[in-house]
């Protein structure tokens, strides 16, 4: 898997201490639909038996859920995403 310079920069810019209160760069978010990692975009990653989708900060879903807290929802087009947990 090739990592671009931009993606490498994004990975390096993720702070060591990521807020677990709201969604931001570096957050691992369990929604009612899937598990997403906010950072470089990847279609699918298998991590310890879990499927994780990497979403970029420019993604529509990220724009909708950025700053949201657990149990808050966001709508992207006609799909509602509910934050279940933030790691």
PDB file of N, CA and C in Angstrom:
ATOM      1  N   UNK A   1       0.850  -1.176   0.000  1.00  0.00           N
ATOM      2  CA  UNK A   1       0.000   0.000   0.000  1.00  0.00           C
ATOM      3  C   UNK A   1       0.897   1.241   0.000  1.00  0.00           C
ATOM      4  N   UNK A   2       0.693   2.103  -0.958  1.00  0.00           N
ATOM      5  CA  UNK A   2       1.512   3.299  -1.072  1.00  0.00           C
ATOM      6  C   UNK A   2       0.842   4.456  -0.329  1.00  0.00           C
ATOM      7  N   UNK A   3       1.636   5.160   0.454  1.00  0.00           N
ATOM      8  CA  UNK A   3       1.122   6.312   1.193  1.00  0.00           C
ATOM      9  C   UNK A   3       1.688   7.568   0.551  1.00  0.00           C
ATOM     10  N   UNK A   4       0.811   8.490   0.180  1.00  0.00           N
ATOM     11  CA  UNK A   4       1.260   9.724  -0.458  1.00  0.00           C
ATOM     12  C   UNK A   4       1.874  10.664   0.584  1.00  0.00           C
ATOM     13  N   UNK A   5       2.582  11.666   0.116  1.00  0.00           N
ATOM     14  CA  UNK A   5       3.187  12.649   1.021  1.00  0.00           C
ATOM     15  C   UNK A   5       2.113  13.375   1.829  1.00  0.00           C
ATOM     16  N   UNK A   6       0.998  13.661   1.183  1.00  0.00           N
ATOM     17  CA  UNK A   6      -0.095  14.345   1.887  1.00  0.00           C
ATOM     18  C   UNK A   6      -0.642  13.479   3.016  1.00  0.00           C
ATOM     19  N   UNK A   7      -0.840  12.192   2.732  1.00  0.00           N
ATOM     20  CA  UNK A   7      -1.362  11.281   3.750  1.00  0.00           C
ATOM     21  C   UNK A   7      -0.374  11.117   4.891  1.00  0.00           C
ATOM     22  N   UNK A   8       0.918  11.052   4.564  1.00  0.00           N
ATOM     23  CA  UNK A   8       1.948  10.940   5.580  1.00  0.00           C
ATOM     24  C   UNK A   8       1.957  12.192   6.453  1.00  0.00           C
ATOM     25  N   UNK A   9       1.817  13.361   5.835  1.00  0.00           N
ATOM     26  CA  UNK A   9       1.733  14.606   6.585  1.00  0.00           C
ATOM     27  C   UNK A   9       0.527  14.584   7.523  1.00  0.00           C
ATOM     28  N   UNK A  10      -0.619  14.111   7.015  1.00  0.00           N
ATOM     29  CA  UNK A  10      -1.815  14.019   7.852  1.00  0.00           C
ATOM     30  C   UNK A  10      -1.589  13.100   9.042  1.00  0.00           C
ATOM     31  N   UNK A  11      -0.991  11.952   8.806  1.00  0.00           N
ATOM     32  CA  UNK A  11      -0.728  11.012   9.899  1.00  0.00           C
ATOM     33  C   UNK A  11       0.178  11.638  10.952  1.00  0.00           C
ATOM     34  N   UNK A  12       1.192  12.347  10.503  1.00  0.00           N
ATOM     35  CA  UNK A  12       2.123  12.981  11.441  1.00  0.00           C
ATOM     36  C   UNK A  12       1.494  14.145  12.190  1.00  0.00           C
ATOM     37  N   UNK A  13       0.467  14.757  11.625  1.00  0.00           N
ATOM     38  CA  UNK A  13      -0.151  15.915  12.265  1.00  0.00           C
ATOM     39  C   UNK A  13      -1.234  15.546  13.277  1.00  0.00           C
ATOM     40  N   UNK A  14      -1.556  14.261  13.388  1.00  0.00           N
ATOM     41  CA  UNK A  14      -2.556  13.837  14.373  1.00  0.00           C
ATOM     42  C   UNK A  14      -1.938  13.969  15.761  1.00  0.00           C
ATOM     43  N   UNK A  15      -2.581  14.715  16.648  1.00  0.00           N
ATOM     44  CA  UNK A  15      -2.014  14.892  17.989  1.00  0.00           C
ATOM     45  C   UNK A  15      -1.996  13.576  18.774  1.00  0.00           C
ATOM     46  N   UNK A  16      -1.038  13.472  19.702  1.00  0.00           N
ATOM     47  CA  UNK A  16      -0.954  12.273  20.538  1.00  0.00           C
ATOM     48  C   UNK A  16      -2.202  12.110  21.400  1.00  0.00           C
ATOM     49  N   UNK A  17      -2.733  13.188  21.876  1.00  0.00           N
ATOM     50  CA  UNK A  17      -3.937  13.158  22.707  1.00  0.00           C
ATOM     51  C   UNK A  17      -5.106  13.694  21.884  1.00  0.00           C
ATOM     52  N   UNK A  18      -5.958  12.779  21.445  1.00  0.00           N
ATOM     53  CA  UNK A  18      -7.126  13.158  20.653  1.00  0.00           C
ATOM     54  C   UNK A  18      -8.328  13.201  21.581  1.00  0.00           C
ATOM     55  N   UNK A  19      -9.149  14.227  21.442  1.00  0.00           N
ATOM     56  CA  UNK A  19     -10.349  14.361  22.271  1.00  0.00           C
ATOM     57  C   UNK A  19     -11.279  13.173  22.077  1.00  0.00           C
ATOM     58  N   UNK A  20     -11.803  12.684  23.157  1.00  0.00           N
ATOM     59  CA  UNK A  20     -12.808  11.633  23.085  1.00  0.00           C
ATOM     60  C   UNK A  20     -14.195  12.209  23.286  1.00  0.00           C
ATOM     61  N   UNK A  21     -14.266  13.542  23.351  1.00  0.00           N
ATOM     62  CA  UNK A  21     -15.550  14.209  23.552  1.00  0.00           C
ATOM     63  C   UNK A  21     -16.245  14.564  22.248  1.00  0.00           C
ATOM     64  N   UNK A  22     -15.454  14.881  21.220  1.00  0.00           N
ATOM     65  CA  UNK A  22     -16.043  15.246  19.946  1.00  0.00           C
ATOM     66  C   UNK A  22     -15.156  14.778  18.796  1.00  0.00           C
ATOM     67  N   UNK A  23     -15.733  14.704  17.612  1.00  0.00           N
ATOM     68  CA  UNK A  23     -15.039  14.178  16.436  1.00  0.00           C
ATOM     69  C   UNK A  23     -14.071  15.218  15.892  1.00  0.00           C
ATOM     70  N   UNK A  24     -12.817  14.777  15.677  1.00  0.00           N
ATOM     71  CA  UNK A  24     -11.790  15.646  15.121  1.00  0.00           C
ATOM     72  C   UNK A  24     -10.762  14.778  14.400  1.00  0.00           C
ATOM     73  N   UNK A  25      -9.748  15.410  13.815  1.00  0.00           N
ATOM     74  CA  UNK A  25      -8.676  14.682  13.150  1.00  0.00           C
ATOM     75  C   UNK A  25      -8.058  13.689  14.128  1.00  0.00           C
ATOM     76  N   UNK A  26      -7.967  12.445  13.732  1.00  0.00           N
ATOM     77  CA  UNK A  26      -7.397  11.408  14.581  1.00  0.00           C
ATOM     78  C   UNK A  26      -8.426  10.605  15.359  1.00  0.00           C
ATOM     79  N   UNK A  27      -9.666  11.037  15.348  1.00  0.00           N
ATOM     80  CA  UNK A  27     -10.717  10.313  16.076  1.00  0.00           C
ATOM     81  C   UNK A  27     -11.047   8.991  15.396  1.00  0.00           C
ATOM     82  N   UNK A  28     -11.286   7.990  16.196  1.00  0.00           N
ATOM     83  CA  UNK A  28     -11.830   6.724  15.738  1.00  0.00           C
ATOM     84  C   UNK A  28     -13.274   6.746  16.197  1.00  0.00           C
ATOM     85  N   UNK A  29     -14.205   6.737  15.242  1.00  0.00           N
ATOM     86  CA  UNK A  29     -15.616   6.950  15.551  1.00  0.00           C
ATOM     87  C   UNK A  29     -16.449   5.741  15.155  1.00  0.00           C
ATOM     88  N   UNK A  30     -17.193   5.226  16.104  1.00  0.00           N
ATOM     89  CA  UNK A  30     -18.145   4.156  15.808  1.00  0.00           C
ATOM     90  C   UNK A  30     -19.499   4.812  15.603  1.00  0.00           C
ATOM     91  N   UNK A  31     -20.006   4.716  14.382  1.00  0.00           N
ATOM     92  CA  UNK A  31     -21.333   5.257  14.092  1.00  0.00           C
ATOM     93  C   UNK A  31     -22.313   4.089  14.014  1.00  0.00           C
ATOM     94  N   UNK A  32     -23.549   4.407  13.782  1.00  0.00           N
ATOM     95  CA  UNK A  32     -24.535   3.336  13.620  1.00  0.00           C
ATOM     96  C   UNK A  32     -24.348   2.605  12.292  1.00  0.00           C
ATOM     97  N   UNK A  33     -23.498   3.127  11.424  1.00  0.00           N
ATOM     98  CA  UNK A  33     -23.270   2.525  10.108  1.00  0.00           C
ATOM     99  C   UNK A  33     -21.943   1.773  10.007  1.00  0.00           C
ATOM    100  N   UNK A  34     -20.865   2.347  10.597  1.00  0.00           N
ATOM    101  CA  UNK A  34     -19.523   1.765  10.436  1.00  0.00           C
ATOM    102  C   UNK A  34     -18.559   2.363  11.444  1.00  0.00           C
ATOM    103  N   UNK A  35     -17.321   1.862  11.395  1.00  0.00           N
ATOM    104  CA  UNK A  35     -16.236   2.369  12.222  1.00  0.00           C
ATOM    105  C   UNK A  35     -15.318   3.174  11.308  1.00  0.00           C
ATOM    106  N   UNK A  36     -15.084   4.445  11.633  1.00  0.00           N
ATOM    107  CA  UNK A  36     -14.288   5.307  10.762  1.00  0.00           C
ATOM    108  C   UNK A  36     -13.133   5.934  11.531  1.00  0.00           C
ATOM    109  N   UNK A  37     -12.015   6.088  10.826  1.00  0.00           N
ATOM    110  CA  UNK A  37     -10.847   6.769  11.358  1.00  0.00           C
ATOM    111  C   UNK A  37     -10.693   8.060  10.571  1.00  0.00           C
ATOM    112  N   UNK A  38     -10.666   9.182  11.272  1.00  0.00           N
ATOM    113  CA  UNK A  38     -10.558  10.485  10.615  1.00  0.00           C
ATOM    114  C   UNK A  38      -9.082  10.794  10.381  1.00  0.00           C
ATOM    115  N   UNK A  39      -8.696  10.843   9.118  1.00  0.00           N
ATOM    116  CA  UNK A  39      -7.310  11.086   8.720  1.00  0.00           C
ATOM    117  C   UNK A  39      -7.209  10.817   7.236  1.00  0.00           C
ATOM    118  N   UNK A  40      -6.177  10.107   6.822  1.00  0.00           N
ATOM    119  CA  UNK A  40      -6.073   9.751   5.401  1.00  0.00           C
ATOM    120  C   UNK A  40      -7.231   8.837   4.991  1.00  0.00           C
ATOM    121  N   UNK A  41      -7.720   9.028   3.784  1.00  0.00           N
ATOM    122  CA  UNK A  41      -8.843   8.222   3.295  1.00  0.00           C
ATOM    123  C   UNK A  41      -8.357   6.855   2.825  1.00  0.00           C
ATOM    124  N   UNK A  42      -9.002   5.815   3.312  1.00  0.00           N
ATOM    125  CA  UNK A  42      -8.746   4.442   2.877  1.00  0.00           C
ATOM    126  C   UNK A  42     -10.074   3.729   2.770  1.00  0.00           C
ATOM    127  N   UNK A  43     -10.198   2.897   1.751  1.00  0.00           N
ATOM    128  CA  UNK A  43     -11.451   2.171   1.556  1.00  0.00           C
ATOM    129  C   UNK A  43     -11.738   1.224   2.700  1.00  0.00           C
ATOM    130  N   UNK A  44     -10.731   0.477   3.110  1.00  0.00           N
ATOM    131  CA  UNK A  44     -10.970  -0.537   4.133  1.00  0.00           C
ATOM    132  C   UNK A  44      -9.647  -0.941   4.780  1.00  0.00           C
ATOM    133  N   UNK A  45      -9.659  -1.003   6.088  1.00  0.00           N
ATOM    134  CA  UNK A  45      -8.515  -1.505   6.843  1.00  0.00           C
ATOM    135  C   UNK A  45      -9.041  -2.547   7.814  1.00  0.00           C
ATOM    136  N   UNK A  46      -8.330  -3.644   7.951  1.00  0.00           N
ATOM    137  CA  UNK A  46      -8.689  -4.647   8.938  1.00  0.00           C
ATOM    138  C   UNK A  46      -7.771  -4.465  10.137  1.00  0.00           C
ATOM    139  N   UNK A  47      -8.350  -4.114  11.277  1.00  0.00           N
ATOM    140  CA  UNK A  47      -7.575  -3.877  12.489  1.00  0.00           C
ATOM    141  C   UNK A  47      -8.124  -4.741  13.617  1.00  0.00           C
ATOM    142  N   UNK A  48      -7.341  -5.731  14.003  1.00  0.00           N
ATOM    143  CA  UNK A  48      -7.711  -6.614  15.107  1.00  0.00           C
ATOM    144  C   UNK A  48      -9.117  -7.181  14.935  1.00  0.00           C
ATOM    145  N   UNK A  49      -9.417  -7.614  13.715  1.00  0.00           N
ATOM    146  CA  UNK A  49     -10.713  -8.226  13.447  1.00  0.00           C
ATOM    147  C   UNK A  49     -11.843  -7.254  13.156  1.00  0.00           C
ATOM    148  N   UNK A  50     -11.564  -5.969  13.179  1.00  0.00           N
ATOM    149  CA  UNK A  50     -12.582  -4.956  12.892  1.00  0.00           C
ATOM    150  C   UNK A  50     -12.291  -4.310  11.545  1.00  0.00           C
ATOM    151  N   UNK A  51     -13.333  -3.963  10.824  1.00  0.00           N
ATOM    152  CA  UNK A  51     -13.183  -3.257   9.553  1.00  0.00           C
ATOM    153  C   UNK A  51     -13.305  -1.763   9.833  1.00  0.00           C
ATOM    154  N   UNK A  52     -12.263  -1.018   9.459  1.00  0.00           N
ATOM    155  CA  UNK A  52     -12.221   0.428   9.670  1.00  0.00           C
ATOM    156  C   UNK A  52     -12.103   1.101   8.321  1.00  0.00           C
ATOM    157  N   UNK A  53     -12.894   2.147   8.115  1.00  0.00           N
ATOM    158  CA  UNK A  53     -12.844   2.961   6.904  1.00  0.00           C
ATOM    159  C   UNK A  53     -12.147   4.271   7.261  1.00  0.00           C
ATOM    160  N   UNK A  54     -11.123   4.635   6.492  1.00  0.00           N
ATOM    161  CA  UNK A  54     -10.458   5.913   6.711  1.00  0.00           C
ATOM    162  C   UNK A  54     -11.155   7.002   5.924  1.00  0.00           C
ATOM    163  N   UNK A  55     -11.551   8.076   6.618  1.00  0.00           N
ATOM    164  CA  UNK A  55     -12.190   9.201   5.919  1.00  0.00           C
ATOM    165  C   UNK A  55     -11.334  10.450   6.079  1.00  0.00           C
ATOM    166  N   UNK A  56     -11.224  11.200   5.008  1.00  0.00           N
ATOM    167  CA  UNK A  56     -10.424  12.424   5.057  1.00  0.00           C
ATOM    168  C   UNK A  56     -11.242  13.547   5.681  1.00  0.00           C
ATOM    169  N   UNK A  57     -10.532  14.586   6.084  1.00  0.00           N
ATOM    170  CA  UNK A  57     -11.204  15.742   6.678  1.00  0.00           C
ATOM    171  C   UNK A  57     -12.031  16.493   5.646  1.00  0.00           C
ATOM    172  N   UNK A  58     -11.797  16.227   4.361  1.00  0.00           N
ATOM    173  CA  UNK A  58     -12.564  16.876   3.294  1.00  0.00           C
ATOM    174  C   UNK A  58     -13.822  16.103   2.913  1.00  0.00           C
ATOM    175  N   UNK A  59     -13.985  14.898   3.428  1.00  0.00           N
ATOM    176  CA  UNK A  59     -15.147  14.075   3.076  1.00  0.00           C
ATOM    177  C   UNK A  59     -16.442  14.719   3.578  1.00  0.00           C
ATOM    178  N   UNK A  60     -17.502  14.546   2.811  1.00  0.00           N
ATOM    179  CA  UNK A  60     -18.801  15.113   3.202  1.00  0.00           C
ATOM    180  C   UNK A  60     -19.238  14.634   4.577  1.00  0.00           C
ATOM    181  N   UNK A  61     -19.057  13.348   4.851  1.00  0.00           N
ATOM    182  CA  UNK A  61     -19.477  12.824   6.149  1.00  0.00           C
ATOM    183  C   UNK A  61     -18.660  13.457   7.277  1.00  0.00           C
ATOM    184  N   UNK A  62     -17.372  13.701   7.047  1.00  0.00           N
ATOM    185  CA  UNK A  62     -16.550  14.335   8.078  1.00  0.00           C
ATOM    186  C   UNK A  62     -16.988  15.762   8.316  1.00  0.00           C
ATOM    187  N   UNK A  63     -17.292  16.465   7.260  1.00  0.00           N
ATOM    188  CA  UNK A  63     -17.782  17.847   7.430  1.00  0.00           C
ATOM    189  C   UNK A  63     -19.054  17.866   8.270  1.00  0.00           C
ATOM    190  N   UNK A  64     -19.865  16.831   8.122  1.00  0.00           N
ATOM    191  CA  UNK A  64     -21.131  16.763   8.863  1.00  0.00           C
ATOM    192  C   UNK A  64     -20.940  16.348  10.320  1.00  0.00           C
ATOM    193  N   UNK A  65     -19.967  15.440  10.599  1.00  0.00           N
ATOM    194  CA  UNK A  65     -19.817  14.946  11.971  1.00  0.00           C
ATOM    195  C   UNK A  65     -18.731  15.661  12.780  1.00  0.00           C
ATOM    196  N   UNK A  66     -17.914  16.499  12.127  1.00  0.00           N
ATOM    197  CA  UNK A  66     -16.840  17.210  12.848  1.00  0.00           C
ATOM    198  C   UNK A  66     -17.441  18.002  14.012  1.00  0.00           C
ATOM    199  N   UNK A  67     -16.851  17.834  15.176  1.00  0.00           N
ATOM    200  CA  UNK A  67     -17.297  18.564  16.361  1.00  0.00           C
ATOM    201  C   UNK A  67     -18.476  17.929  17.068  1.00  0.00           C
ATOM    202  N   UNK A  68     -19.095  16.935  16.459  1.00  0.00           N
ATOM    203  CA  UNK A  68     -20.245  16.277  17.085  1.00  0.00           C
ATOM    204  C   UNK A  68     -19.787  15.412  18.248  1.00  0.00           C
ATOM    205  N   UNK A  69     -20.682  15.164  19.181  1.00  0.00           N
ATOM    206  CA  UNK A  69     -20.414  14.344  20.359  1.00  0.00           C
ATOM    207  C   UNK A  69     -21.126  13.001  20.230  1.00  0.00           C
ATOM    208  N   UNK A  70     -20.826  12.104  21.165  1.00  0.00           N
ATOM    209  CA  UNK A  70     -21.519  10.818  21.208  1.00  0.00           C
ATOM    210  C   UNK A  70     -23.015  11.064  21.335  1.00  0.00           C
ATOM    211  N   UNK A  71     -23.789  10.306  20.620  1.00  0.00           N
ATOM    212  CA  UNK A  71     -25.258  10.333  20.557  1.00  0.00           C
ATOM    213  C   UNK A  71     -25.812  11.455  19.678  1.00  0.00           C
ATOM    214  N   UNK A  72     -24.963  12.338  19.161  1.00  0.00           N
ATOM    215  CA  UNK A  72     -25.433  13.349  18.224  1.00  0.00           C
ATOM    216  C   UNK A  72     -25.471  12.744  16.819  1.00  0.00           C
ATOM    217  N   UNK A  73     -26.314  13.291  15.987  1.00  0.00           N
ATOM    218  CA  UNK A  73     -26.450  12.797  14.616  1.00  0.00           C
ATOM    219  C   UNK A  73     -26.078  13.886  13.617  1.00  0.00           C
ATOM    220  N   UNK A  74     -25.785  13.444  12.415  1.00  0.00           N
ATOM    221  CA  UNK A  74     -25.490  14.358  11.311  1.00  0.00           C
ATOM    222  C   UNK A  74     -26.096  13.756  10.056  1.00  0.00           C
ATOM    223  N   UNK A  75     -26.550  14.612   9.173  1.00  0.00           N
ATOM    224  CA  UNK A  75     -27.152  14.128   7.936  1.00  0.00           C
ATOM    225  C   UNK A  75     -26.291  14.519   6.742  1.00  0.00           C
ATOM    226  N   UNK A  76     -26.040  13.519   5.898  1.00  0.00           N
ATOM    227  CA  UNK A  76     -25.313  13.729   4.647  1.00  0.00           C
ATOM    228  C   UNK A  76     -26.234  13.253   3.546  1.00  0.00           C
ATOM    229  N   UNK A  77     -26.652  14.210   2.744  1.00  0.00           N
ATOM    230  CA  UNK A  77     -27.671  13.943   1.730  1.00  0.00           C
ATOM    231  C   UNK A  77     -28.896  13.361   2.439  1.00  0.00           C
ATOM    232  N   UNK A  78     -29.296  12.165   2.144  1.00  0.00           N
ATOM    233  CA  UNK A  78     -30.494  11.615   2.798  1.00  0.00           C
ATOM    234  C   UNK A  78     -30.151  10.578   3.865  1.00  0.00           C
ATOM    235  N   UNK A  79     -28.867  10.459   4.222  1.00  0.00           N
ATOM    236  CA  UNK A  79     -28.442   9.443   5.189  1.00  0.00           C
ATOM    237  C   UNK A  79     -28.085  10.104   6.513  1.00  0.00           C
ATOM    238  N   UNK A  80     -28.662   9.596   7.591  1.00  0.00           N
ATOM    239  CA  UNK A  80     -28.367  10.090   8.924  1.00  0.00           C
ATOM    240  C   UNK A  80     -27.324   9.186   9.578  1.00  0.00           C
ATOM    241  N   UNK A  81     -26.294   9.798  10.154  1.00  0.00           N
ATOM    242  CA  UNK A  81     -25.229   9.079  10.848  1.00  0.00           C
ATOM    243  C   UNK A  81     -25.313   9.429  12.327  1.00  0.00           C
ATOM    244  N   UNK A  82     -25.348   8.423  13.186  1.00  0.00           N
ATOM    245  CA  UNK A  82     -25.399   8.644  14.626  1.00  0.00           C
ATOM    246  C   UNK A  82     -24.088   8.186  15.249  1.00  0.00           C
ATOM    247  N   UNK A  83     -23.453   9.072  16.016  1.00  0.00           N
ATOM    248  CA  UNK A  83     -22.206   8.727  16.708  1.00  0.00           C
ATOM    249  C   UNK A  83     -22.533   7.879  17.920  1.00  0.00           C
ATOM    250  N   UNK A  84     -21.996   6.671  17.966  1.00  0.00           N
ATOM    251  CA  UNK A  84     -22.208   5.774  19.103  1.00  0.00           C
ATOM    252  C   UNK A  84     -21.074   5.877  20.125  1.00  0.00           C
ATOM    253  N   UNK A  85     -19.826   5.899  19.628  1.00  0.00           N
ATOM    254  CA  UNK A  85     -18.653   5.993  20.510  1.00  0.00           C
ATOM    255  C   UNK A  85     -17.545   6.750  19.787  1.00  0.00           C
ATOM    256  N   UNK A  86     -16.712   7.439  20.553  1.00  0.00           N
ATOM    257  CA  UNK A  86     -15.540   8.138  20.008  1.00  0.00           C
ATOM    258  C   UNK A  86     -14.339   7.674  20.817  1.00  0.00           C
ATOM    259  N   UNK A  87     -13.321   7.190  20.104  1.00  0.00           N
ATOM    260  CA  UNK A  87     -12.107   6.695  20.764  1.00  0.00           C
ATOM    261  C   UNK A  87     -10.948   7.611  20.472  1.00  0.00           C
TER     262      UNK A  87
END
